[in-house]
């Protein structure tokens, strides 16, 4: 994203953004059984909106993300309409991820109008929702796909009492880095 020099990544306080281009490599290699140890220390992971419905890559990766506290989804921006599956990349060389409030997320519209190819035929996929409902749907789907019945007891972030993932879900968007902005670790 940026070429400006920075300090070393700290998995406890820094947000790790996994772009569309590196999503599968990160999920399959770094989060795989033979991946590096630092992955288990990641507390704040951010993925692109278009990666929220990519099969079981994310649920299986959560097994290795033992310290995960926050999963952020990057949306296109404030008060926008965009098509489901759109890859969202920063428009500026130096960009920061800002949190979308629930009000801001409610102003985002997400639509789908495509065809899903099955062995028998193509099925039309058409729906529309707002950002709040989309984020709730992502959480609901991940809660369902990550149940101990599906993944066994290997998932460290599963809350048995609440019967759902014990992580926060947040919405974010790319914004130009403000002049004089200071780094603020997540606490």
Protein backbone atom coordinates (compact mmCIF):
# COMPACT_ATOMS: atom_id res chain seq x y z
CA UNK A 1 0.00 0.00 0.00
CA UNK A 2 2.60 2.54 1.03
CA UNK A 3 6.31 2.78 0.49
CA UNK A 4 6.92 5.03 3.45
CA UNK A 5 9.15 3.43 6.13
CA UNK A 6 7.33 2.11 9.15
CA UNK A 7 8.07 0.11 12.25
CA UNK A 8 7.84 -3.67 12.42
CA UNK A 9 4.40 -5.27 12.45
CA UNK A 10 3.06 -6.05 15.92
CA UNK A 11 0.39 -8.79 15.75
CA UNK A 12 -1.01 -7.82 19.17
CA UNK A 13 -1.78 -4.16 18.40
CA UNK A 14 -1.71 -3.72 14.61
CA UNK A 15 -4.44 -4.47 12.12
CA UNK A 16 -3.34 -6.90 9.39
CA UNK A 17 -5.04 -6.19 6.05
CA UNK A 18 -5.17 -9.15 3.67
CA UNK A 19 -5.82 -7.92 0.13
CA UNK A 20 -7.81 -9.75 -2.54
CA UNK A 21 -4.61 -10.72 -4.30
CA UNK A 22 -3.09 -12.34 -1.22
CA UNK A 23 -6.25 -13.75 0.42
CA UNK A 24 -5.93 -17.40 -0.65
CA UNK A 25 -2.18 -17.51 -0.12
CA UNK A 26 -2.59 -16.09 3.37
CA UNK A 27 -5.50 -18.37 4.27
CA UNK A 28 -3.94 -21.52 2.82
CA UNK A 29 -0.23 -21.00 3.53
CA UNK A 30 0.21 -18.69 6.50
CA UNK A 31 -2.92 -19.99 8.25
CA UNK A 32 -2.25 -23.58 7.18
CA UNK A 33 -1.04 -26.19 9.63
CA UNK A 34 2.59 -25.58 8.65
CA UNK A 35 2.28 -21.79 8.66
CA UNK A 36 4.44 -19.45 10.77
CA UNK A 37 3.87 -19.08 14.50
CA UNK A 38 3.21 -15.31 14.36
CA UNK A 39 -0.18 -16.04 12.73
CA UNK A 40 -1.48 -17.38 16.04
CA UNK A 41 -0.70 -13.98 17.62
CA UNK A 42 -2.81 -11.89 15.18
CA UNK A 43 -5.50 -10.04 17.13
CA UNK A 44 -6.99 -7.78 14.43
CA UNK A 45 -7.54 -9.12 10.90
CA UNK A 46 -9.05 -7.12 8.04
CA UNK A 47 -10.29 -8.67 4.80
CA UNK A 48 -11.82 -7.26 1.66
CA UNK A 49 -15.58 -7.21 1.18
CA UNK A 50 -15.25 -9.47 -1.85
CA UNK A 51 -13.57 -12.19 0.26
CA UNK A 52 -16.41 -12.64 2.76
CA UNK A 53 -17.99 -15.47 0.78
CA UNK A 54 -15.06 -17.60 -0.28
CA UNK A 55 -16.02 -21.05 0.90
CA UNK A 56 -14.34 -22.56 3.91
CA UNK A 57 -11.00 -20.75 3.61
CA UNK A 58 -11.82 -18.30 6.40
CA UNK A 59 -13.41 -20.80 8.84
CA UNK A 60 -10.43 -23.14 8.54
CA UNK A 61 -7.99 -20.23 8.90
CA UNK A 62 -9.70 -19.22 12.15
CA UNK A 63 -8.37 -22.43 13.71
CA UNK A 64 -4.83 -20.98 13.45
CA UNK A 65 -5.88 -17.43 14.40
CA UNK A 66 -5.91 -18.31 18.09
CA UNK A 67 -5.65 -14.72 19.38
CA UNK A 68 -8.15 -13.13 16.98
CA UNK A 69 -10.29 -10.48 18.65
CA UNK A 70 -11.55 -8.44 15.68
CA UNK A 71 -12.46 -9.31 12.09
CA UNK A 72 -12.95 -6.19 9.98
CA UNK A 73 -14.56 -6.13 6.55
CA UNK A 74 -13.50 -3.40 4.11
CA UNK A 75 -16.42 -1.78 2.28
CA UNK A 76 -16.18 0.65 -0.62
CA UNK A 77 -16.81 3.81 1.35
CA UNK A 78 -19.46 6.09 2.68
CA UNK A 79 -22.95 6.25 1.12
CA UNK A 80 -22.13 4.07 -1.87
CA UNK A 81 -23.83 1.36 -3.86
CA UNK A 82 -21.69 -1.44 -5.16
CA UNK A 83 -21.96 -4.90 -6.62
CA UNK A 84 -21.33 -7.95 -4.48
CA UNK A 85 -17.91 -9.40 -5.18
CA UNK A 86 -16.31 -6.05 -6.04
CA UNK A 87 -12.62 -6.04 -5.15
CA UNK A 88 -11.90 -2.97 -3.04
CA UNK A 89 -8.40 -1.57 -3.07
CA UNK A 90 -7.10 1.73 -1.69
CA UNK A 91 -7.37 4.57 -4.21
CA UNK A 92 -4.40 6.41 -2.72
CA UNK A 93 -0.83 5.19 -2.28
CA UNK A 94 -1.02 6.19 1.37
CA UNK A 95 -4.38 5.19 2.80
CA UNK A 96 -5.71 4.31 6.20
CA UNK A 97 -8.56 2.08 7.25
CA UNK A 98 -11.25 3.99 9.10
CA UNK A 99 -14.11 2.44 11.01
CA UNK A 100 -17.59 2.79 9.57
CA UNK A 101 -20.26 3.62 12.12
CA UNK A 102 -23.53 1.70 12.01
CA UNK A 103 -25.16 4.82 10.52
CA UNK A 104 -22.51 4.98 7.80
CA UNK A 105 -22.81 1.27 7.12
CA UNK A 106 -26.61 1.60 6.82
CA UNK A 107 -26.11 4.12 3.97
CA UNK A 108 -24.16 1.57 1.94
CA UNK A 109 -26.13 -0.54 -0.53
CA UNK A 110 -24.89 -3.90 -1.72
CA UNK A 111 -26.45 -5.57 -4.76
CA UNK A 112 -25.89 -8.88 -6.49
CA UNK A 113 -26.90 -9.63 -10.06
CA UNK A 114 -24.95 -12.54 -11.47
CA UNK A 115 -25.18 -16.15 -12.49
CA UNK A 116 -23.92 -19.04 -10.40
CA UNK A 117 -22.68 -21.91 -12.52
CA UNK A 118 -23.64 -25.39 -11.30
CA UNK A 119 -23.15 -28.76 -12.97
CA UNK A 120 -26.79 -28.72 -14.09
CA UNK A 121 -27.38 -25.11 -15.11
CA UNK A 122 -26.69 -21.48 -14.33
CA UNK A 123 -28.73 -20.09 -11.48
CA UNK A 124 -29.56 -16.39 -11.30
CA UNK A 125 -28.35 -14.64 -8.15
CA UNK A 126 -30.17 -11.39 -7.45
CA UNK A 127 -30.51 -9.59 -4.15
CA UNK A 128 -29.97 -6.23 -2.50
CA UNK A 129 -29.26 -5.25 1.09
CA UNK A 130 -27.65 -2.54 3.16
CA UNK A 131 -24.23 -2.72 4.77
CA UNK A 132 -25.57 -3.42 8.27
CA UNK A 133 -27.52 -6.45 7.10
CA UNK A 134 -24.60 -7.63 4.97
CA UNK A 135 -22.19 -7.53 7.94
CA UNK A 136 -24.76 -9.34 10.12
CA UNK A 137 -25.10 -11.95 7.38
CA UNK A 138 -21.32 -12.45 7.27
CA UNK A 139 -21.28 -13.00 11.02
CA UNK A 140 -24.26 -15.35 10.91
CA UNK A 141 -22.71 -17.43 8.11
CA UNK A 142 -19.31 -17.64 9.86
CA UNK A 143 -21.01 -18.55 13.15
CA UNK A 144 -22.81 -21.38 11.34
CA UNK A 145 -19.71 -22.58 9.44
CA UNK A 146 -17.50 -22.44 12.54
CA UNK A 147 -19.71 -24.40 14.92
CA UNK A 148 -17.88 -27.18 16.76
CA UNK A 149 -20.10 -29.61 14.84
CA UNK A 150 -18.49 -28.35 11.61
CA UNK A 151 -14.87 -27.78 12.72
CA UNK A 152 -14.61 -29.83 15.89
CA UNK A 153 -13.29 -28.22 19.07
CA UNK A 154 -10.21 -26.83 17.33
CA UNK A 155 -11.52 -23.26 17.04
CA UNK A 156 -10.05 -21.15 19.87
CA UNK A 157 -12.35 -18.17 19.24
CA UNK A 158 -15.59 -20.13 19.64
CA UNK A 159 -17.77 -19.02 22.57
CA UNK A 160 -19.54 -22.17 23.77
CA UNK A 161 -21.86 -20.26 26.08
CA UNK A 162 -23.15 -17.92 23.34
CA UNK A 163 -22.82 -20.56 20.59
CA UNK A 164 -21.04 -18.17 18.24
CA UNK A 165 -17.60 -16.78 17.45
CA UNK A 166 -16.18 -14.78 20.33
CA UNK A 167 -14.79 -12.03 18.09
CA UNK A 168 -15.96 -8.53 17.14
CA UNK A 169 -17.03 -7.82 13.57
CA UNK A 170 -16.36 -4.30 12.28
CA UNK A 171 -16.83 -2.44 9.00
CA UNK A 172 -14.06 -0.26 7.59
CA UNK A 173 -13.23 1.75 4.47
CA UNK A 174 -10.10 3.14 2.86
CA UNK A 175 -9.56 6.88 3.29
CA UNK A 176 -6.64 9.06 2.19
CA UNK A 177 -4.06 9.32 4.95
CA UNK A 178 -4.41 12.72 6.55
CA UNK A 179 -1.36 14.99 6.66
CA UNK A 180 0.32 14.76 10.04
CA UNK A 181 -1.69 11.69 11.02
CA UNK A 182 -0.19 9.65 13.82
CA UNK A 183 -0.27 5.92 14.19
CA UNK A 184 -2.66 4.74 16.89
CA UNK A 185 -2.42 1.07 17.80
CA UNK A 186 -5.65 -0.77 18.49
CA UNK A 187 -6.23 -1.19 22.20
